[in-house]
Amino acid sequence: MRLTVIYENHAGFVKGLLGGHGFSALLEHRGRRVLIDTGTDGEVLLGNMAELGIDPGEIDFVFITHGHYDHTGGLKAFLNAREEPVRVIAHPGIFRLRVAVKPHRRDIGIPFDRGELEGLGAEFILKEEPFEFAPGLWSSGEIPRRTWDRAVGYVEENGRLIRDPVPDDITLIIDLGDGVAVVTGCGHSGVLNIAWHAEDVLGKPVRALIGGLHLRGAKKELLNEVVEEIDAERLYAGHCTGLDEYAFLKAGLGERIEPLHVGRVIEL
């Protein structure tokens, strides 16, 4: 497999690439090209794709890890840049209205409705359970919360706000033969739960866990648990992991963990 980071908080050191809050990556595996998430801003997404030589028209699937704006905001621009329809893999809950309340109330969900995106060529395949959508490529489906998670935000129910468990937080699992790689957008399900679930789905060890781990602001006890319990061979962390939190993990995991940036390529 080959994964190229297209959208990340940090731009790295390649001239012409832009960083921005959000995440997107291109996965190439067994002849399929999957765009994982679309970042926040469509102009940044398409600009980075152009700089990296990635043609929107050559994408076979879009995989949406969850329905937050910083992972779906570029979807409309991406669809407009194509001539052909494209299959979009996600959880049925991605279109739920969701909000944050600090520092003020604001929408944090996907900024488009389903009909608008379908009119531009999105063919949604929405499932709650794990399934293989192409050879060696699996949607994790809903991830059981066996220990702590990192869910954020609120949803409205019966006229009042309740905490959003983000059940639509899914990951892309890549079958590598002797193990699996896992790509997560934000890791709201909890990084340990994500790794355990991937092992359960395919019955193979996690060779690499890639993406946002949503550990920004996490207490040291929780970070220590990640260092002690995570059994992925390698971690490639970015987006919502947190700079201080990444440094903590680096001190504990050493060469097992590396940072992400726009233009970073990972081959396994």
Protein backbone atom coordinates (compact mmCIF):
# COMPACT_ATOMS: atom_id res chain seq x y z
CA MET A 1 0.00 0.00 0.00
CA ARG A 2 0.98 3.59 -0.55
CA LEU A 3 -0.56 6.51 1.33
CA THR A 4 0.03 10.16 0.45
CA VAL A 5 -1.08 12.87 2.88
CA ILE A 6 -3.00 15.58 1.02
CA TYR A 7 -4.48 17.69 3.84
CA GLU A 8 -2.98 18.09 7.29
CA ASN A 9 -2.47 20.74 9.94
CA HIS A 10 1.17 21.05 8.92
CA ALA A 11 2.45 21.59 5.37
CA GLY A 12 5.84 19.96 5.74
CA PHE A 13 8.71 21.22 3.63
CA VAL A 14 7.54 20.85 0.03
CA LYS A 15 7.15 24.12 -1.85
CA GLY A 16 3.62 24.81 -3.05
CA LEU A 17 1.76 22.70 -0.48
CA LEU A 18 -0.58 24.28 2.07
CA GLY A 19 -1.43 23.15 5.59
CA GLY A 20 -4.80 23.62 7.21
CA HIS A 21 -6.93 22.23 10.02
CA GLY A 22 -8.32 18.94 8.75
CA PHE A 23 -7.28 15.67 7.19
CA SER A 24 -7.23 13.97 3.79
CA ALA A 25 -5.05 11.31 2.21
CA LEU A 26 -4.81 9.22 -0.94
CA LEU A 27 -4.57 5.47 -0.44
CA GLU A 28 -3.35 3.28 -3.31
CA HIS A 29 -3.71 -0.47 -2.84
CA ARG A 30 -4.19 -3.38 -5.25
CA GLY A 31 -4.99 -1.09 -8.16
CA ARG A 32 -7.59 1.00 -6.27
CA ARG A 33 -7.27 4.69 -5.38
CA VAL A 34 -9.22 5.86 -2.34
CA LEU A 35 -9.53 9.46 -1.19
CA ILE A 36 -9.82 9.34 2.60
CA ASP A 37 -11.67 12.44 3.89
CA THR A 38 -11.52 15.82 2.17
CA GLY A 39 -10.22 18.31 4.75
CA THR A 40 -11.97 21.59 5.54
CA ASP A 41 -11.40 23.77 2.48
CA GLY A 42 -11.97 22.57 -1.07
CA GLU A 43 -9.57 25.07 -2.58
CA VAL A 44 -6.73 23.85 -0.35
CA LEU A 45 -7.63 20.22 -1.06
CA LEU A 46 -7.63 20.64 -4.85
CA GLY A 47 -4.53 22.84 -4.77
CA ASN A 48 -2.56 20.23 -2.85
CA MET A 49 -3.86 17.46 -5.10
CA ALA A 50 -2.63 19.38 -8.14
CA GLU A 51 0.79 19.98 -6.58
CA LEU A 52 1.05 16.27 -5.73
CA GLY A 53 -0.03 15.18 -9.21
CA ILE A 54 -3.29 13.60 -8.04
CA ASP A 55 -6.16 13.77 -10.53
CA PRO A 56 -9.64 13.94 -8.89
CA GLY A 57 -11.02 12.06 -11.88
CA GLU A 58 -8.83 9.02 -11.17
CA ILE A 59 -10.21 8.38 -7.66
CA ASP A 60 -12.18 5.10 -7.38
CA PHE A 61 -13.73 5.64 -3.93
CA VAL A 62 -14.12 8.32 -1.29
CA PHE A 63 -13.97 7.11 2.31
CA ILE A 64 -15.41 9.46 4.97
CA THR A 65 -14.22 8.65 8.48
CA HIS A 66 -16.94 10.71 10.22
CA GLY A 67 -19.27 13.62 9.65
CA HIS A 68 -17.30 16.60 10.99
CA TYR A 69 -16.61 19.66 8.83
CA ASP A 70 -12.81 19.31 8.92
CA HIS A 71 -13.09 15.92 7.20
CA THR A 72 -15.91 16.68 4.78
CA GLY A 73 -15.60 20.39 3.90
CA GLY A 74 -13.75 19.75 0.64
CA LEU A 75 -16.18 17.12 -0.64
CA LYS A 76 -18.32 19.45 -2.76
CA ALA A 77 -15.30 20.99 -4.50
CA PHE A 78 -13.87 17.52 -5.13
CA LEU A 79 -17.12 16.33 -6.73
CA ASN A 80 -17.28 19.47 -8.87
CA ALA A 81 -13.75 18.73 -10.12
CA ARG A 82 -14.87 15.33 -11.50
CA GLU A 83 -16.89 14.38 -14.54
CA GLU A 84 -17.95 10.90 -13.38
CA PRO A 85 -19.89 9.78 -10.27
CA VAL A 86 -17.91 8.28 -7.39
CA ARG A 87 -18.82 5.85 -4.63
CA VAL A 88 -18.60 7.32 -1.13
CA ILE A 89 -18.12 4.90 1.76
CA ALA A 90 -19.30 6.10 5.18
CA HIS A 91 -21.53 5.42 8.20
CA PRO A 92 -25.26 6.27 7.98
CA GLY A 93 -24.85 8.85 10.76
CA ILE A 94 -22.57 11.26 8.89
CA PHE A 95 -25.37 13.72 8.08
CA ARG A 96 -26.62 14.17 11.64
CA LEU A 97 -26.75 17.79 12.81
CA ARG A 98 -24.00 18.34 15.39
CA VAL A 99 -22.76 21.36 17.27
CA ALA A 100 -20.01 22.63 19.57
CA VAL A 101 -20.83 25.01 22.42
CA LYS A 102 -17.41 26.54 23.16
CA PRO A 103 -16.32 29.28 22.71
CA HIS A 104 -19.81 29.76 21.21
CA ARG A 105 -22.47 27.55 19.68
CA ARG A 106 -21.67 26.63 16.09
CA ASP A 107 -22.29 23.83 13.61
CA ILE A 108 -19.43 21.34 13.32
CA GLY A 109 -21.08 18.75 11.08
CA ILE A 110 -20.82 18.12 7.35
CA PRO A 111 -21.62 21.47 5.67
CA PHE A 112 -23.69 19.97 2.82
CA ASP A 113 -26.88 17.93 2.64
CA ARG A 114 -27.05 14.51 1.08
CA GLY A 115 -29.22 15.53 -1.89
CA GLU A 116 -26.82 18.30 -2.88
CA LEU A 117 -23.86 15.90 -2.92
CA GLU A 118 -25.76 13.20 -4.76
CA GLY A 119 -26.67 15.76 -7.39
CA LEU A 120 -22.93 16.27 -7.95
CA GLY A 121 -22.24 12.56 -8.40
CA ALA A 122 -21.79 11.12 -4.91
CA GLU A 123 -23.09 7.55 -4.70
CA PHE A 124 -23.29 6.87 -0.97
CA ILE A 125 -22.70 3.39 0.46
CA LEU A 126 -23.62 3.79 4.14
CA LYS A 127 -23.24 0.83 6.51
CA GLU A 128 -22.90 0.40 10.26
CA GLU A 129 -21.16 -2.98 10.12
CA PRO A 130 -17.69 -3.90 8.82
CA PHE A 131 -17.54 -4.76 5.12
CA GLU A 132 -15.00 -5.16 2.32
CA PHE A 133 -15.73 -2.59 -0.38
CA ALA A 134 -12.79 -3.51 -2.64
CA PRO A 135 -10.17 -6.29 -2.52
CA GLY A 136 -8.18 -5.83 0.68
CA LEU A 137 -10.03 -2.64 1.69
CA TRP A 138 -12.44 -2.73 4.62
CA SER A 139 -14.68 -0.25 6.37
CA SER A 140 -14.39 -0.92 10.10
CA GLY A 141 -18.05 -0.17 10.74
CA GLU A 142 -18.95 1.05 14.21
CA ILE A 143 -16.11 0.61 16.69
CA PRO A 144 -16.97 -0.90 20.11
CA ARG A 145 -15.87 1.31 23.01
CA ARG A 146 -14.15 -1.25 25.24
CA THR A 147 -12.31 1.51 27.09
CA TRP A 148 -12.26 5.34 26.99
CA ASP A 149 -13.06 7.23 23.82
CA ARG A 150 -12.49 10.81 22.63
CA ALA A 151 -15.96 11.79 21.46
CA VAL A 152 -16.67 15.53 21.19
CA GLY A 153 -19.56 17.90 20.52
CA TYR A 154 -23.31 17.69 20.93
CA VAL A 155 -26.39 16.62 19.02
CA GLU A 156 -29.94 17.86 19.52
CA GLU A 157 -32.54 15.42 20.78
CA ASN A 158 -36.10 16.34 21.80
CA GLY A 159 -35.18 20.00 21.87
CA ARG A 160 -32.13 19.69 24.11
CA LEU A 161 -28.43 19.12 23.57
CA ILE A 162 -26.86 15.81 24.52
CA ARG A 163 -23.26 14.74 24.15
CA ASP A 164 -22.47 13.27 20.75
CA PRO A 165 -20.95 9.76 21.01
CA VAL A 166 -19.85 10.08 17.34
CA PRO A 167 -20.98 6.55 16.41
CA ASP A 168 -20.14 7.30 12.77
CA ASP A 169 -16.41 7.41 13.59
CA ILE A 170 -15.06 4.60 11.40
CA THR A 171 -11.66 3.64 10.05
CA LEU A 172 -10.28 2.24 6.81
CA ILE A 173 -8.59 -1.14 7.35
CA ILE A 174 -6.11 -2.30 4.72
CA ASP A 175 -5.28 -6.01 4.47
CA LEU A 176 -1.51 -6.31 4.04
CA GLY A 177 -1.42 -10.11 4.11
CA ASP A 178 0.64 -10.58 7.26
CA GLY A 179 -1.11 -7.75 9.09
CA VAL A 180 -3.29 -4.68 8.62
CA ALA A 181 -2.85 -0.93 8.36
CA VAL A 182 -5.52 1.33 9.82
CA VAL A 183 -6.30 4.90 8.74
CA THR A 184 -8.30 7.02 11.16
CA GLY A 185 -9.54 10.56 10.62
CA CYS A 186 -9.78 11.78 14.22
CA GLY A 187 -9.92 8.65 16.34
CA HIS A 188 -12.98 9.73 18.32
CA SER A 189 -13.60 6.05 19.11
CA GLY A 190 -10.35 5.95 21.09
CA VAL A 191 -7.04 4.82 19.66
CA LEU A 192 -6.93 1.60 21.71
CA ASN A 193 -10.48 0.64 20.72
CA ILE A 194 -9.62 1.33 17.07
CA ALA A 195 -6.56 -0.94 17.11
CA TRP A 196 -8.35 -3.75 18.95
CA HIS A 197 -11.33 -3.61 16.60
CA ALA A 198 -9.14 -3.75 13.48
CA GLU A 199 -7.44 -6.86 14.85
CA ASP A 200 -10.85 -8.42 15.55
CA VAL A 201 -12.26 -7.65 12.08
CA LEU A 202 -9.48 -9.34 10.09
CA GLY A 203 -7.81 -11.43 12.77
CA LYS A 204 -4.40 -9.94 12.03
CA PRO A 205 -2.01 -7.65 13.95
CA VAL A 206 -1.87 -3.90 13.28
CA ARG A 207 1.34 -3.05 11.47
CA ALA A 208 0.57 0.67 11.18
CA LEU A 209 -1.98 3.10 12.61
CA ILE A 210 -2.17 6.32 10.61
CA GLY A 211 -4.05 9.60 11.14
CA GLY A 212 -5.43 11.83 13.86
CA LEU A 213 -5.49 10.30 17.35
CA HIS A 214 -7.52 13.07 19.04
CA LEU A 215 -5.35 13.20 22.15
CA ARG A 216 -5.05 16.98 22.39
CA GLY A 217 -5.78 17.91 26.02
CA ALA A 218 -5.67 14.31 27.24
CA LYS A 219 -4.42 13.68 30.76
CA LYS A 220 -1.05 12.04 31.33
CA GLU A 221 -2.71 8.94 32.75
CA LEU A 222 -4.51 8.39 29.47
CA LEU A 223 -1.39 9.07 27.40
CA ASN A 224 0.56 6.61 29.56
CA GLU A 225 -2.11 4.01 28.86
CA VAL A 226 -1.65 4.53 25.12
CA VAL A 227 2.12 4.08 25.44
CA GLU A 228 1.70 0.94 27.54
CA GLU A 229 -1.23 -0.70 25.73
CA ILE A 230 -0.95 0.15 22.01
CA ASP A 231 0.47 -2.81 20.12
CA ALA A 232 0.58 -1.37 16.63
CA GLU A 233 4.08 -1.78 15.22
CA ARG A 234 4.17 1.84 14.03
CA LEU A 235 2.07 4.97 14.50
CA TYR A 236 1.95 7.92 12.11
CA ALA A 237 0.16 10.66 14.04
CA GLY A 238 -1.15 14.05 12.97
CA HIS A 239 -4.11 16.42 12.83
CA CYS A 240 -5.87 16.31 16.24
CA THR A 241 -3.18 14.35 18.10
CA GLY A 242 -1.81 17.52 19.74
CA LEU A 243 1.77 18.79 19.72
CA ASP A 244 2.46 18.30 23.44
CA GLU A 245 0.67 14.97 23.36
CA TYR A 246 2.71 13.83 20.36
CA ALA A 247 5.90 14.75 22.23
CA PHE A 248 4.73 12.68 25.21
CA LEU A 249 4.04 9.69 22.98
CA LYS A 250 7.38 10.16 21.21
CA ALA A 251 9.20 10.03 24.54
CA GLY A 252 7.48 6.76 25.37
CA LEU A 253 7.33 5.06 21.97
CA GLY A 254 10.54 6.31 20.38
CA GLU A 255 10.96 5.28 16.74
CA ARG A 256 7.59 3.54 16.71
CA ILE A 257 5.83 6.90 16.18
CA GLU A 258 6.36 9.55 13.49
CA PRO A 259 4.52 12.79 12.60
CA LEU A 260 2.39 13.48 9.53
CA HIS A 261 2.52 16.48 7.20
CA VAL A 262 1.16 17.36 3.78
CA GLY A 263 3.11 15.45 1.15
CA ARG A 264 4.23 12.68 3.51
CA VAL A 265 4.26 9.29 1.79
CA ILE A 266 3.97 6.01 3.69
CA GLU A 267 4.60 2.71 1.93
CA LEU A 268 4.02 -0.71 3.47
